[in-house]
Protein backbone atom coordinates (compact mmCIF):
# COMPACT_ATOMS: atom_id res chain seq x y z
CA UNK A 1 3.41 -3.69 -43.00
CA UNK A 2 3.22 -6.91 -40.95
CA UNK A 3 1.89 -9.99 -42.70
CA UNK A 4 -1.62 -11.28 -42.09
CA UNK A 5 -0.19 -14.29 -40.26
CA UNK A 6 1.81 -12.07 -37.88
CA UNK A 7 -1.20 -9.86 -37.19
CA UNK A 8 -3.42 -12.88 -36.54
CA UNK A 9 -0.83 -14.40 -34.17
CA UNK A 10 -0.44 -11.14 -32.25
CA UNK A 11 -4.22 -10.72 -32.01
CA UNK A 12 -4.60 -14.21 -30.53
CA UNK A 13 -1.85 -13.48 -28.00
CA UNK A 14 -3.48 -10.23 -26.87
CA UNK A 15 -6.89 -11.90 -26.63
CA UNK A 16 -5.41 -14.54 -24.34
CA UNK A 17 -3.79 -11.85 -22.16
CA UNK A 18 -7.04 -9.90 -22.09
CA UNK A 19 -8.91 -12.94 -20.78
CA UNK A 20 -6.37 -13.31 -17.97
CA UNK A 21 -6.53 -9.63 -16.96
CA UNK A 22 -10.33 -9.72 -17.05
CA UNK A 23 -10.37 -12.77 -14.76
CA UNK A 24 -7.87 -11.11 -12.40
CA UNK A 25 -10.04 -8.00 -12.29
CA UNK A 26 -13.06 -10.07 -11.26
CA UNK A 27 -11.08 -11.87 -8.55
CA UNK A 28 -9.71 -8.56 -7.22
CA UNK A 29 -13.21 -7.08 -7.19
CA UNK A 30 -14.52 -9.88 -4.99
CA UNK A 31 -11.50 -9.64 -2.66
CA UNK A 32 -11.86 -5.86 -2.53
CA UNK A 33 -15.46 -6.08 -1.35
CA UNK A 34 -14.46 -8.30 1.57
CA UNK A 35 -11.39 -6.22 2.45
CA UNK A 36 -13.32 -2.96 2.12
CA UNK A 37 -16.07 -4.18 4.46
CA UNK A 38 -13.46 -5.29 7.00
CA UNK A 39 -11.60 -1.97 6.79
CA UNK A 40 -14.78 0.06 7.20
CA UNK A 41 -15.90 -1.98 10.22
CA UNK A 42 -12.52 -1.63 11.91
CA UNK A 43 -11.94 2.04 11.11
CA UNK A 44 -14.19 3.30 13.91
CA UNK A 45 -12.23 1.37 16.53
CA UNK A 46 -8.84 2.60 15.34
CA UNK A 47 -10.00 6.20 15.00
CA UNK A 48 -11.42 6.07 18.52
CA UNK A 49 -8.20 4.54 19.85
CA UNK A 50 -6.17 7.33 18.22
CA UNK A 51 -8.48 10.07 19.54
CA UNK A 52 -8.47 8.57 23.03
CA UNK A 53 -4.70 8.34 23.31
CA UNK A 54 -4.35 11.80 21.76
CA UNK A 55 -6.75 13.21 24.34
CA UNK A 56 -4.98 11.50 27.23
CA UNK A 57 -1.55 12.79 26.25
CA UNK A 58 -2.73 16.31 25.46
CA UNK A 59 -4.34 16.61 28.88
CA UNK A 60 -1.37 15.07 30.67
CA UNK A 61 1.03 17.92 30.02
CA UNK A 62 4.76 17.22 30.15
CA UNK A 63 5.39 13.60 31.07
CA UNK A 64 8.85 12.09 31.35
CA UNK A 65 8.27 8.70 29.74
CA UNK A 66 10.56 6.67 27.40
CA UNK A 67 7.83 6.32 24.76
CA UNK A 68 7.45 10.11 24.54
CA UNK A 69 11.07 10.93 23.76
CA UNK A 70 13.56 9.74 21.16
CA UNK A 71 15.88 6.91 22.12
CA UNK A 72 19.64 7.20 22.30
CA UNK A 73 20.24 5.30 19.05
CA UNK A 74 20.36 6.97 15.63
CA UNK A 75 18.83 3.85 14.08
CA UNK A 76 15.25 4.12 12.80
CA UNK A 77 12.92 1.16 12.30
CA UNK A 78 10.48 1.33 9.38
CA UNK A 79 7.56 -1.09 9.13
CA UNK A 80 7.06 -1.31 5.36
CA UNK A 81 3.70 -2.76 4.24
CA UNK A 82 3.49 -3.79 0.57
CA UNK A 83 2.12 -6.85 -1.23
CA UNK A 84 3.49 -10.28 -2.02
CA UNK A 85 2.36 -10.03 -5.65
CA UNK A 86 2.72 -7.48 -8.41
CA UNK A 87 0.31 -6.40 -11.16
CA UNK A 88 -1.13 -3.68 -8.92
CA UNK A 89 -0.05 -0.56 -10.76
CA UNK A 90 2.06 1.79 -8.65
CA UNK A 91 0.84 0.40 -5.33
CA UNK A 92 4.16 -1.09 -4.19
CA UNK A 93 6.47 1.49 -5.72
CA UNK A 94 4.56 4.39 -4.16
CA UNK A 95 5.06 2.98 -0.65
CA UNK A 96 8.75 2.31 -1.29
CA UNK A 97 9.20 5.91 -2.45
CA UNK A 98 8.06 7.09 0.97
CA UNK A 99 11.26 5.55 2.33
CA UNK A 100 13.71 6.11 -0.52
CA UNK A 101 12.69 9.75 -1.06
CA UNK A 102 12.50 10.66 2.62
CA UNK A 103 15.13 12.66 4.52
CA UNK A 104 16.16 9.57 6.49
CA UNK A 105 19.65 8.22 5.77
CA UNK A 106 19.85 4.73 4.27
CA UNK A 107 22.52 3.58 6.73
CA UNK A 108 20.31 4.53 9.70
CA UNK A 109 17.27 2.53 8.59
CA UNK A 110 16.22 -0.96 9.62
CA UNK A 111 13.42 -2.26 7.40
CA UNK A 112 10.80 -4.56 8.92
CA UNK A 113 9.21 -5.79 5.70
CA UNK A 114 5.61 -6.95 5.45
CA UNK A 115 5.31 -7.93 1.78
CA UNK A 116 7.84 -9.45 -0.60
CA UNK A 117 7.66 -6.69 -3.21
CA UNK A 118 8.76 -3.93 -0.86
CA UNK A 119 11.35 -6.19 0.75
CA UNK A 120 12.96 -7.10 -2.57
CA UNK A 121 12.82 -3.53 -3.90
CA UNK A 122 14.58 -1.96 -0.91
CA UNK A 123 17.03 -4.85 -0.60
CA UNK A 124 18.19 -4.23 -4.18
CA UNK A 125 18.75 -0.58 -3.28
CA UNK A 126 21.01 -1.46 -0.36
CA UNK A 127 18.64 -1.07 2.60
CA UNK A 128 19.07 -3.40 5.57
CA UNK A 129 16.17 -5.82 5.99
CA UNK A 130 16.02 -6.45 9.74
CA UNK A 131 13.02 -8.81 9.64
CA UNK A 132 10.62 -10.31 7.13
CA UNK A 133 6.92 -10.74 7.99
CA UNK A 134 5.70 -11.17 4.40
CA UNK A 135 3.20 -13.92 5.21
CA UNK A 136 1.33 -11.61 7.57
CA UNK A 137 -0.15 -9.56 4.73
CA UNK A 138 -1.94 -12.58 3.23
CA UNK A 139 -4.48 -12.66 6.07
CA UNK A 140 -3.72 -10.08 8.78
CA UNK A 141 -4.79 -10.87 12.33
CA UNK A 142 -4.38 -8.85 15.51
CA UNK A 143 -1.87 -11.26 17.05
CA UNK A 144 0.51 -10.67 14.11
CA UNK A 145 0.45 -6.93 14.76
CA UNK A 146 0.97 -7.58 18.48
CA UNK A 147 4.03 -9.74 17.75
CA UNK A 148 5.61 -7.06 15.55
CA UNK A 149 4.77 -4.34 18.06
CA UNK A 150 6.27 -6.32 20.95
CA UNK A 151 9.52 -6.89 19.02
CA UNK A 152 9.92 -3.22 18.10
CA UNK A 153 9.03 -1.93 21.55
CA UNK A 154 11.61 -4.26 23.05
CA UNK A 155 14.28 -2.91 20.70
CA UNK A 156 13.19 0.66 21.46
CA UNK A 157 13.35 0.07 25.21
CA UNK A 158 16.86 -1.43 24.91
CA UNK A 159 18.07 1.57 22.92
CA UNK A 160 18.71 -0.46 19.74
CA UNK A 161 16.48 1.90 17.76
CA UNK A 162 15.60 5.52 18.43
CA UNK A 163 12.47 5.95 16.30
CA UNK A 164 9.77 3.73 14.75
CA UNK A 165 7.94 4.58 11.52
CA UNK A 166 5.07 2.93 9.65
CA UNK A 167 4.89 3.10 5.83
CA UNK A 168 1.64 1.83 4.29
CA UNK A 169 -1.16 2.70 1.88
CA UNK A 170 -4.25 4.18 3.51
CA UNK A 171 -7.63 3.19 2.08
CA UNK A 172 -9.93 6.14 1.40
CA UNK A 173 -12.29 4.56 -1.12
CA UNK A 174 -12.25 2.13 -4.03
CA UNK A 175 -10.25 4.40 -6.34
CA UNK A 176 -8.36 6.55 -3.83
CA UNK A 177 -5.41 5.10 -1.91
CA UNK A 178 -3.00 7.31 0.03
CA UNK A 179 0.65 6.30 0.66
CA UNK A 180 1.35 7.28 4.28
CA UNK A 181 4.50 7.53 6.40
CA UNK A 182 3.59 7.72 10.09
CA UNK A 183 5.89 8.02 13.10
CA UNK A 184 4.80 5.63 15.84
CA UNK A 185 7.50 6.27 18.44
CA UNK A 186 8.39 8.47 20.10
CA UNK A 187 4.80 9.67 20.35
CA UNK A 188 4.83 13.33 19.33
CA UNK A 189 2.36 15.60 21.10
CA UNK A 190 3.08 18.33 18.53
CA UNK A 191 2.16 16.06 15.62
CA UNK A 192 -1.00 14.93 17.38
CA UNK A 193 -2.01 18.52 18.10
CA UNK A 194 -1.43 19.52 14.47
CA UNK A 195 -3.48 16.60 13.11
CA UNK A 196 -6.36 17.09 15.52
CA UNK A 197 -6.37 20.91 15.30
CA UNK A 198 -9.71 22.18 14.14
CA UNK A 199 -11.36 18.75 14.16
CA UNK A 200 -13.27 19.28 17.40
CA UNK A 201 -13.65 22.88 18.52
CA UNK A 202 -16.02 21.90 21.33
CA UNK A 203 -13.25 19.88 22.96
CA UNK A 204 -11.02 22.92 23.57
CA UNK A 205 -12.46 23.54 27.03
CA UNK A 206 -12.12 19.85 27.92
CA UNK A 207 -8.41 19.89 27.04
CA UNK A 208 -7.78 22.30 29.91
CA UNK A 209 -8.95 19.70 32.44
CA UNK A 210 -6.08 17.86 34.13
CA UNK A 211 -5.54 14.14 33.56
CA UNK A 212 -5.20 12.01 36.67
CA UNK A 213 -3.71 8.54 36.40
CA UNK A 214 -4.61 5.48 38.44
CA UNK A 215 -2.22 3.65 38.75
CA UNK A 216 0.78 5.97 38.26
CA UNK A 217 1.23 7.60 34.85
CA UNK A 218 4.30 5.54 33.92
CA UNK A 219 2.54 2.24 34.64
CA UNK A 220 -0.59 3.39 32.83
CA UNK A 221 1.32 4.52 29.73
CA UNK A 222 3.26 1.24 29.72
CA UNK A 223 -0.11 -0.46 29.21
CA UNK A 224 -1.73 2.09 26.89
CA UNK A 225 1.04 2.90 24.41
CA UNK A 226 1.79 -0.73 23.32
CA UNK A 227 -1.91 -1.31 22.64
CA UNK A 228 -2.01 1.98 20.77
CA UNK A 229 0.99 0.99 18.59
CA UNK A 230 -0.43 -2.49 17.96
CA UNK A 231 -3.78 -1.00 16.93
CA UNK A 232 -2.14 1.37 14.45
CA UNK A 233 -0.12 -1.47 12.89
CA UNK A 234 -3.15 -3.74 12.62
CA UNK A 235 -5.29 -0.94 11.18
CA UNK A 236 -2.57 -0.20 8.61
CA UNK A 237 -2.47 -3.89 7.61
CA UNK A 238 -6.22 -4.00 7.02
CA UNK A 239 -6.22 -0.77 5.02
CA UNK A 240 -3.19 -1.92 3.01
CA UNK A 241 -4.95 -5.15 1.98
CA UNK A 242 -8.01 -3.20 0.82
CA UNK A 243 -5.80 -0.70 -1.04
CA UNK A 244 -3.83 -3.51 -2.72
CA UNK A 245 -6.97 -5.16 -4.10
CA UNK A 246 -8.36 -1.81 -5.18
CA UNK A 247 -5.13 -0.93 -6.98
CA UNK A 248 -4.98 -4.35 -8.65
CA UNK A 249 -8.61 -4.08 -9.76
CA UNK A 250 -7.91 -0.71 -11.38
CA UNK A 251 -4.69 -1.96 -13.01
CA UNK A 252 -6.40 -5.04 -14.46
CA UNK A 253 -9.34 -2.94 -15.65
CA UNK A 254 -6.94 -0.62 -17.49
CA UNK A 255 -5.03 -3.59 -18.91
CA UNK A 256 -8.27 -5.18 -20.16
CA UNK A 257 -9.35 -1.91 -21.80
CA UNK A 258 -5.95 -1.54 -23.45
CA UNK A 259 -6.14 -5.11 -24.74
CA UNK A 260 -9.55 -4.44 -26.27
CA UNK A 261 -8.24 -1.29 -27.98
CA UNK A 262 -5.21 -3.15 -29.34
CA UNK A 263 -7.44 -5.96 -30.64
CA UNK A 264 -9.66 -3.43 -32.45
CA UNK A 265 -6.57 -1.81 -33.98
CA UNK A 266 -5.19 -5.18 -35.08
CA UNK A 267 -8.55 -6.15 -36.61
CA UNK A 268 -8.45 -2.97 -38.67
CA UNK A 269 -4.88 -3.70 -39.78
CA UNK A 270 -5.78 -7.30 -40.58
CA UNK A 271 -8.77 -6.23 -42.74
CA UNK A 272 -6.60 -3.69 -44.56
CA UNK A 273 -3.92 -6.30 -45.19
CA UNK A 274 -6.55 -8.79 -46.37
CA UNK A 275 -8.13 -6.22 -48.66
CA UNK A 276 -4.71 -5.33 -50.06
CA UNK A 277 -3.95 -9.03 -50.64
CA UNK A 278 -7.25 -9.58 -52.45
CA UNK A 279 -6.74 -6.46 -54.56
CA UNK A 280 -3.24 -7.66 -55.50
CA UNK A 281 -4.57 -11.08 -56.54
CA UNK A 282 -7.33 -9.53 -58.65
CA UNK A 283 -4.81 -7.23 -60.32
CA UNK A 284 -2.58 -10.20 -61.14
CA UNK A 285 -5.51 -12.19 -62.57
CA UNK A 286 -6.67 -9.27 -64.72
CA UNK A 287 -3.14 -8.56 -65.90
CA UNK A 288 -2.67 -12.25 -66.79
CA UNK A 289 -5.98 -12.37 -68.70
CA UNK A 290 -5.07 -9.25 -70.67
CA UNK A 291 -1.67 -10.69 -71.51
CA UNK A 292 -3.24 -13.90 -72.89
CA UNK A 293 -5.76 -12.03 -74.96
C-alpha cells in the first residue's frame, strides 16, 4: 500500500488537474454557445445554396462542363479541417481516419490542412501536405474560404488535380458531431440525386421542367459553381469550430468527473492508511505498557 505522504501528494496533483479541466470546460462552454449560434444562423443559407445548385443541375440534364467531370490527373486534393489544439477527445483523430481509412491511395492525395493537429498527424503518416491554412480555423471568415476555393479551382482547371474532397466534422447538436467526407468536384449529379431523394416529393413534377440559362450555361456555371464550393467550405469551417468546442467541452467534463472519482478513491485510501497507522501506534503503545508491567 502507498504511504500516506504519497497518497496526499497524488491527491493534490489530481485536484490541481481537476481545477484546470473544470476551467477549460467553462471556457469551451462559452465558446460553444457563440459558435453554435453562428452555425445555426448560417445553416439556412448553406442548405439553400446546396438545394438551389442541386435543383439547377438536376433540371439541366447532361451538360459538358469541366466542373461536372473528373480532371485528367489522378491526384486528389483533400481539404482537412481539424483544430490547432488537442484535449478534444476523438475530434481530430476521427476526421483524420476519414482520409487514412478511405479507399484513396496515399500517393495520390494532396492535403490542404486547416488545423495543426490534422496536418501533423497526416504528415507523420507520410501524406503530402500541399498547403497549410491552420490560422483560418481560429476565426473563419468568408474571404478565407474564397481564397482556398480559388486556389483549388485553379489547380483543377489546369489539370493538376482531378478531384477535390472536403473532410470535416458536421455539427448536429451539442453532443452529436458527425465526421464527414464530401466530394466537392467534380460535382456528381448521382450523389446529389441520392442525397435529395425522398426529401421533397412535391418537387418531382418541377424537376421535369427544363432549365434555361442566361447567359450561356458554361458562363453561368463558371459563376455559380465557385460560389457553391466556397459556401460549402465556409459552412464546413463554421460547423467544425462548433463541433471542436462541443467535443472539448465533453472531454473536459469527463476529465473533471474522472478527477473527482479519483479524489474520492484516494480519500478513502488515505483514511484507511491513517486508520491503519493509528491502530499500529496504539498496538505498539499497549504492547510496550504490558512489557513494562
